[in-house]
Amino acid sequence: MVQQNRQSHRLRDFILYLALAVAVAGLAILLGVYQAKTGRSSQFSLKWVGFALMTVLVFYRTVRTYRPFWRQGNFWLTAALLGAVHIGLGIEIVQQIRTASLLPFVL
């Protein structure tokens, strides 16, 4: 029974990862088509894509690290508040950036 349960979780995880990969690839294609039709430069989208990816990575890691606190309402309230502040400040900062580089996202 335990072996079958593990296999079903592996299959579910594989399907979720596959769906995520297809979604990311689809968004990249749509972004490329949008840029081609509107004539926007890749610098415009690079800074927004970078900000979005870093935001997801930071909050994913934070939520996963503090899993023992998931049942506490204060954890989610604090995460939502910090997320809103991060996104609000991030939007203001990213709008001011004129040239985008991958270097800040690597650091």
PDB file of N, CA and C in Angstrom:
ATOM      1  N   MET A   1       0.822  -1.202   0.000  1.00  0.00           N
ATOM      2  CA  MET A   1       0.000   0.000   0.000  1.00  0.00           C
ATOM      3  C   MET A   1       0.860   1.258   0.000  1.00  0.00           C
ATOM      4  N   VAL A   2       1.932   1.250   0.789  1.00  0.00           N
ATOM      5  CA  VAL A   2       2.802   2.417   0.863  1.00  0.00           C
ATOM      6  C   VAL A   2       3.485   2.661  -0.485  1.00  0.00           C
ATOM      7  N   GLN A   3       3.906   1.588  -1.148  1.00  0.00           N
ATOM      8  CA  GLN A   3       4.571   1.709  -2.449  1.00  0.00           C
ATOM      9  C   GLN A   3       3.615   2.313  -3.480  1.00  0.00           C
ATOM     10  N   GLN A   4       2.360   1.881  -3.489  1.00  0.00           N
ATOM     11  CA  GLN A   4       1.384   2.404  -4.436  1.00  0.00           C
ATOM     12  C   GLN A   4       1.116   3.883  -4.152  1.00  0.00           C
ATOM     13  N   ASN A   5       1.064   4.265  -2.892  1.00  0.00           N
ATOM     14  CA  ASN A   5       0.847   5.649  -2.507  1.00  0.00           C
ATOM     15  C   ASN A   5       1.987   6.533  -2.997  1.00  0.00           C
ATOM     16  N   ARG A   6       3.228   6.048  -2.847  1.00  0.00           N
ATOM     17  CA  ARG A   6       4.397   6.796  -3.314  1.00  0.00           C
ATOM     18  C   ARG A   6       4.367   6.977  -4.825  1.00  0.00           C
ATOM     19  N   GLN A   7       3.975   5.912  -5.529  1.00  0.00           N
ATOM     20  CA  GLN A   7       3.930   5.996  -6.990  1.00  0.00           C
ATOM     21  C   GLN A   7       2.866   6.976  -7.449  1.00  0.00           C
ATOM     22  N   SER A   8       1.729   7.018  -6.764  1.00  0.00           N
ATOM     23  CA  SER A   8       0.684   7.959  -7.162  1.00  0.00           C
ATOM     24  C   SER A   8       1.128   9.398  -6.907  1.00  0.00           C
ATOM     25  N   HIS A   9       1.884   9.612  -5.818  1.00  0.00           N
ATOM     26  CA  HIS A   9       2.409  10.953  -5.553  1.00  0.00           C
ATOM     27  C   HIS A   9       3.443  11.340  -6.609  1.00  0.00           C
ATOM     28  N   ARG A  10       4.275  10.396  -7.007  1.00  0.00           N
ATOM     29  CA  ARG A  10       5.266  10.683  -8.041  1.00  0.00           C
ATOM     30  C   ARG A  10       4.591  11.030  -9.357  1.00  0.00           C
ATOM     31  N   LEU A  11       3.557  10.289  -9.713  1.00  0.00           N
ATOM     32  CA  LEU A  11       2.830  10.564 -10.943  1.00  0.00           C
ATOM     33  C   LEU A  11       2.165  11.930 -10.875  1.00  0.00           C
ATOM     34  N   ARG A  12       1.535  12.234  -9.740  1.00  0.00           N
ATOM     35  CA  ARG A  12       0.906  13.545  -9.570  1.00  0.00           C
ATOM     36  C   ARG A  12       1.936  14.661  -9.670  1.00  0.00           C
ATOM     37  N   ASP A  13       3.075  14.502  -9.007  1.00  0.00           N
ATOM     38  CA  ASP A  13       4.129  15.513  -9.065  1.00  0.00           C
ATOM     39  C   ASP A  13       4.651  15.686 -10.485  1.00  0.00           C
ATOM     40  N   PHE A  14       4.839  14.574 -11.198  1.00  0.00           N
ATOM     41  CA  PHE A  14       5.314  14.644 -12.577  1.00  0.00           C
ATOM     42  C   PHE A  14       4.327  15.405 -13.452  1.00  0.00           C
ATOM     43  N   ILE A  15       3.049  15.129 -13.288  1.00  0.00           N
ATOM     44  CA  ILE A  15       2.027  15.820 -14.077  1.00  0.00           C
ATOM     45  C   ILE A  15       2.001  17.310 -13.738  1.00  0.00           C
ATOM     46  N   LEU A  16       2.152  17.645 -12.465  1.00  0.00           N
ATOM     47  CA  LEU A  16       2.190  19.062 -12.077  1.00  0.00           C
ATOM     48  C   LEU A  16       3.407  19.778 -12.651  1.00  0.00           C
ATOM     49  N   TYR A  17       4.571  19.124 -12.591  1.00  0.00           N
ATOM     50  CA  TYR A  17       5.776  19.728 -13.168  1.00  0.00           C
ATOM     51  C   TYR A  17       5.643  19.886 -14.679  1.00  0.00           C
ATOM     52  N   LEU A  18       5.053  18.905 -15.319  1.00  0.00           N
ATOM     53  CA  LEU A  18       4.846  18.978 -16.762  1.00  0.00           C
ATOM     54  C   LEU A  18       3.894  20.119 -17.114  1.00  0.00           C
ATOM     55  N   ALA A  19       2.813  20.257 -16.363  1.00  0.00           N
ATOM     56  CA  ALA A  19       1.864  21.345 -16.590  1.00  0.00           C
ATOM     57  C   ALA A  19       2.528  22.702 -16.357  1.00  0.00           C
ATOM     58  N   LEU A  20       3.358  22.799 -15.336  1.00  0.00           N
ATOM     59  CA  LEU A  20       4.070  24.041 -15.071  1.00  0.00           C
ATOM     60  C   LEU A  20       5.033  24.376 -16.209  1.00  0.00           C
ATOM     61  N   ALA A  21       5.743  23.380 -16.707  1.00  0.00           N
ATOM     62  CA  ALA A  21       6.674  23.603 -17.814  1.00  0.00           C
ATOM     63  C   ALA A  21       5.938  24.046 -19.076  1.00  0.00           C
ATOM     64  N   VAL A  22       4.812  23.435 -19.363  1.00  0.00           N
ATOM     65  CA  VAL A  22       4.017  23.815 -20.538  1.00  0.00           C
ATOM     66  C   VAL A  22       3.496  25.238 -20.370  1.00  0.00           C
ATOM     67  N   ALA A  23       3.059  25.595 -19.167  1.00  0.00           N
ATOM     68  CA  ALA A  23       2.560  26.948 -18.913  1.00  0.00           C
ATOM     69  C   ALA A  23       3.660  27.992 -19.093  1.00  0.00           C
ATOM     70  N   VAL A  24       4.845  27.719 -18.572  1.00  0.00           N
ATOM     71  CA  VAL A  24       5.966  28.656 -18.716  1.00  0.00           C
ATOM     72  C   VAL A  24       6.360  28.805 -20.184  1.00  0.00           C
ATOM     73  N   ALA A  25       6.443  27.683 -20.888  1.00  0.00           N
ATOM     74  CA  ALA A  25       6.788  27.741 -22.313  1.00  0.00           C
ATOM     75  C   ALA A  25       5.714  28.496 -23.099  1.00  0.00           C
ATOM     76  N   GLY A  26       4.465  28.244 -22.774  1.00  0.00           N
ATOM     77  CA  GLY A  26       3.373  28.951 -23.454  1.00  0.00           C
ATOM     78  C   GLY A  26       3.415  30.445 -23.199  1.00  0.00           C
ATOM     79  N   LEU A  27       3.691  30.832 -21.956  1.00  0.00           N
ATOM     80  CA  LEU A  27       3.804  32.258 -21.644  1.00  0.00           C
ATOM     81  C   LEU A  27       4.982  32.901 -22.369  1.00  0.00           C
ATOM     82  N   ALA A  28       6.088  32.175 -22.481  1.00  0.00           N
ATOM     83  CA  ALA A  28       7.251  32.704 -23.203  1.00  0.00           C
ATOM     84  C   ALA A  28       6.913  32.909 -24.676  1.00  0.00           C
ATOM     85  N   ILE A  29       6.207  31.981 -25.263  1.00  0.00           N
ATOM     86  CA  ILE A  29       5.809  32.112 -26.671  1.00  0.00           C
ATOM     87  C   ILE A  29       4.850  33.279 -26.846  1.00  0.00           C
ATOM     88  N   LEU A  30       3.861  33.390 -25.955  1.00  0.00           N
ATOM     89  CA  LEU A  30       2.923  34.508 -26.037  1.00  0.00           C
ATOM     90  C   LEU A  30       3.624  35.847 -25.857  1.00  0.00           C
ATOM     91  N   LEU A  31       4.587  35.903 -24.969  1.00  0.00           N
ATOM     92  CA  LEU A  31       5.350  37.133 -24.766  1.00  0.00           C
ATOM     93  C   LEU A  31       6.128  37.495 -26.022  1.00  0.00           C
ATOM     94  N   GLY A  32       6.740  36.505 -26.665  1.00  0.00           N
ATOM     95  CA  GLY A  32       7.464  36.749 -27.902  1.00  0.00           C
ATOM     96  C   GLY A  32       6.556  37.238 -29.016  1.00  0.00           C
ATOM     97  N   VAL A  33       5.390  36.645 -29.145  1.00  0.00           N
ATOM     98  CA  VAL A  33       4.423  37.075 -30.163  1.00  0.00           C
ATOM     99  C   VAL A  33       3.951  38.494 -29.878  1.00  0.00           C
ATOM    100  N   TYR A  34       3.686  38.776 -28.609  1.00  0.00           N
ATOM    101  CA  TYR A  34       3.251  40.119 -28.218  1.00  0.00           C
ATOM    102  C   TYR A  34       4.321  41.158 -28.545  1.00  0.00           C
ATOM    103  N   GLN A  35       5.572  40.830 -28.236  1.00  0.00           N
ATOM    104  CA  GLN A  35       6.664  41.766 -28.527  1.00  0.00           C
ATOM    105  C   GLN A  35       6.814  41.982 -30.036  1.00  0.00           C
ATOM    106  N   ALA A  36       6.657  40.927 -30.799  1.00  0.00           N
ATOM    107  CA  ALA A  36       6.788  41.048 -32.248  1.00  0.00           C
ATOM    108  C   ALA A  36       5.673  41.914 -32.834  1.00  0.00           C
ATOM    109  N   LYS A  37       4.470  41.773 -32.328  1.00  0.00           N
ATOM    110  CA  LYS A  37       3.341  42.544 -32.850  1.00  0.00           C
ATOM    111  C   LYS A  37       3.387  44.004 -32.427  1.00  0.00           C
ATOM    112  N   THR A  38       3.850  44.279 -31.207  1.00  0.00           N
ATOM    113  CA  THR A  38       3.852  45.653 -30.704  1.00  0.00           C
ATOM    114  C   THR A  38       5.164  46.376 -30.947  1.00  0.00           C
ATOM    115  N   GLY A  39       6.207  45.645 -31.299  1.00  0.00           N
ATOM    116  CA  GLY A  39       7.502  46.272 -31.557  1.00  0.00           C
ATOM    117  C   GLY A  39       8.244  46.674 -30.299  1.00  0.00           C
ATOM    118  N   ARG A  40       7.870  46.138 -29.167  1.00  0.00           N
ATOM    119  CA  ARG A  40       8.570  46.457 -27.914  1.00  0.00           C
ATOM    120  C   ARG A  40       9.898  45.720 -27.860  1.00  0.00           C
ATOM    121  N   SER A  41      10.831  46.311 -27.132  1.00  0.00           N
ATOM    122  CA  SER A  41      12.142  45.677 -26.998  1.00  0.00           C
ATOM    123  C   SER A  41      12.109  44.594 -25.937  1.00  0.00           C
ATOM    124  N   SER A  42      13.075  43.718 -25.975  1.00  0.00           N
ATOM    125  CA  SER A  42      13.137  42.650 -24.981  1.00  0.00           C
ATOM    126  C   SER A  42      13.535  43.183 -23.609  1.00  0.00           C
ATOM    127  N   GLN A  43      14.144  44.361 -23.560  1.00  0.00           N
ATOM    128  CA  GLN A  43      14.513  44.968 -22.279  1.00  0.00           C
ATOM    129  C   GLN A  43      13.275  45.236 -21.433  1.00  0.00           C
ATOM    130  N   PHE A  44      12.182  45.612 -22.108  1.00  0.00           N
ATOM    131  CA  PHE A  44      10.943  45.918 -21.389  1.00  0.00           C
ATOM    132  C   PHE A  44      10.449  44.709 -20.619  1.00  0.00           C
ATOM    133  N   SER A  45      10.363  43.579 -21.278  1.00  0.00           N
ATOM    134  CA  SER A  45       9.805  42.405 -20.623  1.00  0.00           C
ATOM    135  C   SER A  45      10.812  41.722 -19.705  1.00  0.00           C
ATOM    136  N   LEU A  46      12.093  41.850 -19.994  1.00  0.00           N
ATOM    137  CA  LEU A  46      13.110  41.190 -19.181  1.00  0.00           C
ATOM    138  C   LEU A  46      13.031  41.637 -17.730  1.00  0.00           C
ATOM    139  N   LYS A  47      12.869  42.926 -17.506  1.00  0.00           N
ATOM    140  CA  LYS A  47      12.832  43.403 -16.132  1.00  0.00           C
ATOM    141  C   LYS A  47      11.577  42.925 -15.407  1.00  0.00           C
ATOM    142  N   TRP A  48      10.453  42.838 -16.103  1.00  0.00           N
ATOM    143  CA  TRP A  48       9.218  42.383 -15.460  1.00  0.00           C
ATOM    144  C   TRP A  48       9.223  40.875 -15.234  1.00  0.00           C
ATOM    145  N   VAL A  49       9.726  40.131 -16.187  1.00  0.00           N
ATOM    146  CA  VAL A  49       9.818  38.681 -16.031  1.00  0.00           C
ATOM    147  C   VAL A  49      10.782  38.352 -14.899  1.00  0.00           C
ATOM    148  N   GLY A  50      11.907  39.039 -14.856  1.00  0.00           N
ATOM    149  CA  GLY A  50      12.881  38.833 -13.790  1.00  0.00           C
ATOM    150  C   GLY A  50      12.295  39.140 -12.419  1.00  0.00           C
ATOM    151  N   PHE A  51      11.584  40.249 -12.325  1.00  0.00           N
ATOM    152  CA  PHE A  51      10.956  40.614 -11.045  1.00  0.00           C
ATOM    153  C   PHE A  51       9.928  39.565 -10.625  1.00  0.00           C
ATOM    154  N   ALA A  52       9.111  39.117 -11.566  1.00  0.00           N
ATOM    155  CA  ALA A  52       8.086  38.120 -11.253  1.00  0.00           C
ATOM    156  C   ALA A  52       8.709  36.796 -10.813  1.00  0.00           C
ATOM    157  N   LEU A  53       9.733  36.348 -11.525  1.00  0.00           N
ATOM    158  CA  LEU A  53      10.383  35.086 -11.167  1.00  0.00           C
ATOM    159  C   LEU A  53      11.053  35.161  -9.802  1.00  0.00           C
ATOM    160  N   MET A  54      11.740  36.246  -9.543  1.00  0.00           N
ATOM    161  CA  MET A  54      12.408  36.383  -8.250  1.00  0.00           C
ATOM    162  C   MET A  54      11.391  36.467  -7.106  1.00  0.00           C
ATOM    163  N   THR A  55      10.275  37.136  -7.348  1.00  0.00           N
ATOM    164  CA  THR A  55       9.229  37.225  -6.337  1.00  0.00           C
ATOM    165  C   THR A  55       8.680  35.840  -6.013  1.00  0.00           C
ATOM    166  N   VAL A  56       8.401  35.071  -7.043  1.00  0.00           N
ATOM    167  CA  VAL A  56       7.877  33.717  -6.830  1.00  0.00           C
ATOM    168  C   VAL A  56       8.900  32.859  -6.087  1.00  0.00           C
ATOM    169  N   LEU A  57      10.156  32.933  -6.495  1.00  0.00           N
ATOM    170  CA  LEU A  57      11.185  32.121  -5.840  1.00  0.00           C
ATOM    171  C   LEU A  57      11.361  32.496  -4.373  1.00  0.00           C
ATOM    172  N   VAL A  58      11.392  33.772  -4.083  1.00  0.00           N
ATOM    173  CA  VAL A  58      11.588  34.223  -2.701  1.00  0.00           C
ATOM    174  C   VAL A  58      10.426  33.790  -1.820  1.00  0.00           C
ATOM    175  N   PHE A  59       9.205  34.000  -2.280  1.00  0.00           N
ATOM    176  CA  PHE A  59       8.061  33.648  -1.441  1.00  0.00           C
ATOM    177  C   PHE A  59       7.831  32.145  -1.388  1.00  0.00           C
ATOM    178  N   TYR A  60       8.135  31.424  -2.435  1.00  0.00           N
ATOM    179  CA  TYR A  60       8.045  29.961  -2.397  1.00  0.00           C
ATOM    180  C   TYR A  60       8.993  29.405  -1.344  1.00  0.00           C
ATOM    181  N   ARG A  61      10.217  29.893  -1.373  1.00  0.00           N
ATOM    182  CA  ARG A  61      11.224  29.412  -0.421  1.00  0.00           C
ATOM    183  C   ARG A  61      10.827  29.766   1.025  1.00  0.00           C
ATOM    184  N   THR A  62      10.310  30.956   1.205  1.00  0.00           N
ATOM    185  CA  THR A  62       9.904  31.392   2.535  1.00  0.00           C
ATOM    186  C   THR A  62       8.752  30.545   3.069  1.00  0.00           C
ATOM    187  N   VAL A  63       7.742  30.362   2.253  1.00  0.00           N
ATOM    188  CA  VAL A  63       6.580  29.586   2.685  1.00  0.00           C
ATOM    189  C   VAL A  63       6.983  28.136   2.949  1.00  0.00           C
ATOM    190  N   ARG A  64       7.823  27.586   2.111  1.00  0.00           N
ATOM    191  CA  ARG A  64       8.249  26.200   2.310  1.00  0.00           C
ATOM    192  C   ARG A  64       9.098  26.045   3.574  1.00  0.00           C
ATOM    193  N   THR A  65       9.965  27.006   3.839  1.00  0.00           N
ATOM    194  CA  THR A  65      10.821  26.948   5.012  1.00  0.00           C
ATOM    195  C   THR A  65      10.002  26.993   6.307  1.00  0.00           C
ATOM    196  N   TYR A  66       8.959  27.791   6.308  1.00  0.00           N
ATOM    197  CA  TYR A  66       8.156  27.968   7.521  1.00  0.00           C
ATOM    198  C   TYR A  66       6.891  27.115   7.522  1.00  0.00           C
ATOM    199  N   ARG A  67       6.976  25.936   6.960  1.00  0.00           N
ATOM    200  CA  ARG A  67       5.832  25.028   6.896  1.00  0.00           C
ATOM    201  C   ARG A  67       5.203  24.731   8.258  1.00  0.00           C
ATOM    202  N   PRO A  68       5.976  24.604   9.338  1.00  0.00           N
ATOM    203  CA  PRO A  68       5.333  24.333  10.642  1.00  0.00           C
ATOM    204  C   PRO A  68       4.343  25.426  11.068  1.00  0.00           C
ATOM    205  N   PHE A  69       4.437  26.599  10.490  1.00  0.00           N
ATOM    206  CA  PHE A  69       3.572  27.712  10.886  1.00  0.00           C
ATOM    207  C   PHE A  69       2.356  27.882   9.972  1.00  0.00           C
ATOM    208  N   TRP A  70       2.166  26.990   9.018  1.00  0.00           N
ATOM    209  CA  TRP A  70       1.079  27.121   8.059  1.00  0.00           C
ATOM    210  C   TRP A  70      -0.295  27.179   8.710  1.00  0.00           C
ATOM    211  N   ARG A  71      -0.471  26.535   9.824  1.00  0.00           N
ATOM    212  CA  ARG A  71      -1.784  26.480  10.474  1.00  0.00           C
ATOM    213  C   ARG A  71      -2.091  27.746  11.276  1.00  0.00           C
ATOM    214  N   GLN A  72      -1.122  28.610  11.404  1.00  0.00           N
ATOM    215  CA  GLN A  72      -1.318  29.837  12.171  1.00  0.00           C
ATOM    216  C   GLN A  72      -1.718  30.972  11.232  1.00  0.00           C
ATOM    217  N   GLY A  73      -2.785  31.621  11.577  1.00  0.00           N
ATOM    218  CA  GLY A  73      -3.283  32.712  10.748  1.00  0.00           C
ATOM    219  C   GLY A  73      -2.320  33.882  10.645  1.00  0.00           C
ATOM    220  N   ASN A  74      -1.566  34.127  11.711  1.00  0.00           N
ATOM    221  CA  ASN A  74      -0.616  35.242  11.697  1.00  0.00           C
ATOM    222  C   ASN A  74       0.467  35.052  10.645  1.00  0.00           C
ATOM    223  N   PHE A  75       0.847  33.810  10.406  1.00  0.00           N
ATOM    224  CA  PHE A  75       1.857  33.538   9.378  1.00  0.00           C
ATOM    225  C   PHE A  75       1.369  34.017   8.015  1.00  0.00           C
ATOM    226  N   TRP A  76       0.143  33.630   7.664  1.00  0.00           N
ATOM    227  CA  TRP A  76      -0.381  33.999   6.351  1.00  0.00           C
ATOM    228  C   TRP A  76      -0.672  35.496   6.265  1.00  0.00           C
ATOM    229  N   LEU A  77      -1.102  36.078   7.356  1.00  0.00           N
ATOM    230  CA  LEU A  77      -1.332  37.523   7.373  1.00  0.00           C
ATOM    231  C   LEU A  77      -0.020  38.276   7.155  1.00  0.00           C
ATOM    232  N   THR A  78       1.016  37.855   7.854  1.00  0.00           N
ATOM    233  CA  THR A  78       2.330  38.484   7.701  1.00  0.00           C
ATOM    234  C   THR A  78       2.881  38.265   6.293  1.00  0.00           C
ATOM    235  N   ALA A  79       2.738  37.053   5.775  1.00  0.00           N
ATOM    236  CA  ALA A  79       3.220  36.765   4.416  1.00  0.00           C
ATOM    237  C   ALA A  79       2.478  37.617   3.393  1.00  0.00           C
ATOM    238  N   ALA A  80       1.173  37.761   3.558  1.00  0.00           N
ATOM    239  CA  ALA A  80       0.387  38.583   2.626  1.00  0.00           C
ATOM    240  C   ALA A  80       0.786  40.050   2.717  1.00  0.00           C
ATOM    241  N   LEU A  81       0.980  40.539   3.935  1.00  0.00           N
ATOM    242  CA  LEU A  81       1.381  41.939   4.124  1.00  0.00           C
ATOM    243  C   LEU A  81       2.758  42.201   3.506  1.00  0.00           C
ATOM    244  N   LEU A  82       3.720  41.329   3.816  1.00  0.00           N
ATOM    245  CA  LEU A  82       5.062  41.492   3.240  1.00  0.00           C
ATOM    246  C   LEU A  82       5.048  41.314   1.724  1.00  0.00           C
ATOM    247  N   GLY A  83       4.211  40.420   1.239  1.00  0.00           N
ATOM    248  CA  GLY A  83       4.080  40.233  -0.205  1.00  0.00           C
ATOM    249  C   GLY A  83       3.535  41.481  -0.885  1.00  0.00           C
ATOM    250  N   ALA A  84       2.535  42.091  -0.285  1.00  0.00           N
ATOM    251  CA  ALA A  84       1.960  43.316  -0.845  1.00  0.00           C
ATOM    252  C   ALA A  84       2.982  44.456  -0.851  1.00  0.00           C
ATOM    253  N   VAL A  85       3.734  44.587   0.240  1.00  0.00           N
ATOM    254  CA  VAL A  85       4.773  45.621   0.305  1.00  0.00           C
ATOM    255  C   VAL A  85       5.850  45.351  -0.750  1.00  0.00           C
ATOM    256  N   HIS A  86       6.275  44.095  -0.846  1.00  0.00           N
ATOM    257  CA  HIS A  86       7.306  43.718  -1.820  1.00  0.00           C
ATOM    258  C   HIS A  86       6.845  44.028  -3.244  1.00  0.00           C
ATOM    259  N   ILE A  87       5.633  43.644  -3.577  1.00  0.00           N
ATOM    260  CA  ILE A  87       5.127  43.858  -4.931  1.00  0.00           C
ATOM    261  C   ILE A  87       4.930  45.346  -5.195  1.00  0.00           C
ATOM    262  N   GLY A  88       4.397  46.068  -4.229  1.00  0.00           N
ATOM    263  CA  GLY A  88       4.205  47.510  -4.411  1.00  0.00           C
ATOM    264  C   GLY A  88       5.511  48.247  -4.634  1.00  0.00           C
ATOM    265  N   LEU A  89       6.490  47.990  -3.773  1.00  0.00           N
ATOM    266  CA  LEU A  89       7.804  48.628  -3.942  1.00  0.00           C
ATOM    267  C   LEU A  89       8.498  48.139  -5.212  1.00  0.00           C
ATOM    268  N   GLY A  90       8.358  46.859  -5.487  1.00  0.00           N
ATOM    269  CA  GLY A  90       8.986  46.294  -6.683  1.00  0.00           C
ATOM    270  C   GLY A  90       8.469  46.929  -7.954  1.00  0.00           C
ATOM    271  N   ILE A  91       7.164  47.130  -8.035  1.00  0.00           N
ATOM    272  CA  ILE A  91       6.583  47.764  -9.226  1.00  0.00           C
ATOM    273  C   ILE A  91       7.123  49.177  -9.386  1.00  0.00           C
ATOM    274  N   GLU A  92       7.181  49.913  -8.297  1.00  0.00           N
ATOM    275  CA  GLU A  92       7.717  51.285  -8.369  1.00  0.00           C
ATOM    276  C   GLU A  92       9.176  51.295  -8.815  1.00  0.00           C
ATOM    277  N   ILE A  93       9.962  50.393  -8.282  1.00  0.00           N
ATOM    278  CA  ILE A  93      11.388  50.344  -8.621  1.00  0.00           C
ATOM    279  C   ILE A  93      11.597  49.872 -10.054  1.00  0.00           C
ATOM    280  N   VAL A  94      10.899  48.827 -10.451  1.00  0.00           N
ATOM    281  CA  VAL A  94      11.086  48.277 -11.802  1.00  0.00           C
ATOM    282  C   VAL A  94      10.640  49.280 -12.857  1.00  0.00           C
ATOM    283  N   GLN A  95       9.614  50.074 -12.578  1.00  0.00           N
ATOM    284  CA  GLN A  95       9.173  51.091 -13.535  1.00  0.00           C
ATOM    285  C   GLN A  95      10.257  52.147 -13.775  1.00  0.00           C
ATOM    286  N   GLN A  96      11.122  52.375 -12.785  1.00  0.00           N
ATOM    287  CA  GLN A  96      12.168  53.383 -12.917  1.00  0.00           C
ATOM    288  C   GLN A  96      13.390  52.869 -13.678  1.00  0.00           C
ATOM    289  N   ILE A  97      13.517  51.558 -13.817  1.00  0.00           N
ATOM    290  CA  ILE A  97      14.681  50.975 -14.493  1.00  0.00           C
ATOM    291  C   ILE A  97      14.566  51.204 -15.991  1.00  0.00           C
ATOM    292  N   ARG A  98      15.627  51.738 -16.576  1.00  0.00           N
ATOM    293  CA  ARG A  98      15.625  51.996 -18.023  1.00  0.00           C
ATOM    294  C   ARG A  98      16.242  50.851 -18.808  1.00  0.00           C
ATOM    295  N   THR A  99      17.317  50.297 -18.304  1.00  0.00           N
ATOM    296  CA  THR A  99      17.950  49.160 -18.984  1.00  0.00           C
ATOM    297  C   THR A  99      17.947  47.964 -18.045  1.00  0.00           C
ATOM    298  N   ALA A 100      17.645  46.829 -18.601  1.00  0.00           N
ATOM    299  CA  ALA A 100      17.572  45.614 -17.796  1.00  0.00           C
ATOM    300  C   ALA A 100      18.800  44.757 -18.037  1.00  0.00           C
ATOM    301  N   SER A 101      19.277  44.148 -16.990  1.00  0.00           N
ATOM    302  CA  SER A 101      20.414  43.258 -17.066  1.00  0.00           C
ATOM    303  C   SER A 101      20.091  42.012 -16.264  1.00  0.00           C
ATOM    304  N   LEU A 102      20.666  40.909 -16.646  1.00  0.00           N
ATOM    305  CA  LEU A 102      20.456  39.673 -15.887  1.00  0.00           C
ATOM    306  C   LEU A 102      21.305  39.609 -14.639  1.00  0.00           C
ATOM    307  N   LEU A 103      22.314  40.466 -14.522  1.00  0.00           N
ATOM    308  CA  LEU A 103      23.222  40.427 -13.395  1.00  0.00           C
ATOM    309  C   LEU A 103      22.523  40.554 -12.037  1.00  0.00           C
ATOM    310  N   PRO A 104      21.600  41.497 -11.832  1.00  0.00           N
ATOM    311  CA  PRO A 104      20.950  41.576 -10.511  1.00  0.00           C
ATOM    312  C   PRO A 104      20.158  40.309 -10.174  1.00  0.00           C
ATOM    313  N   PHE A 105      19.618  39.642 -11.183  1.00  0.00           N
ATOM    314  CA  PHE A 105      18.828  38.449 -10.925  1.00  0.00           C
ATOM    315  C   PHE A 105      19.722  37.257 -10.582  1.00  0.00           C
ATOM    316  N   VAL A 106      20.958  37.287 -11.017  1.00  0.00           N
ATOM    317  CA  VAL A 106      21.896  36.222 -10.703  1.00  0.00           C
ATOM    318  C   VAL A 106      22.398  36.381  -9.268  1.00  0.00           C
ATOM    319  N   LEU A 107      22.613  37.621  -8.857  1.00  0.00           N
ATOM    320  CA  LEU A 107      23.101  37.897  -7.515  1.00  0.00           C
ATOM    321  C   LEU A 107      21.999  37.652  -6.537  1.00  0.00           C
TER     322      LEU A 107
END
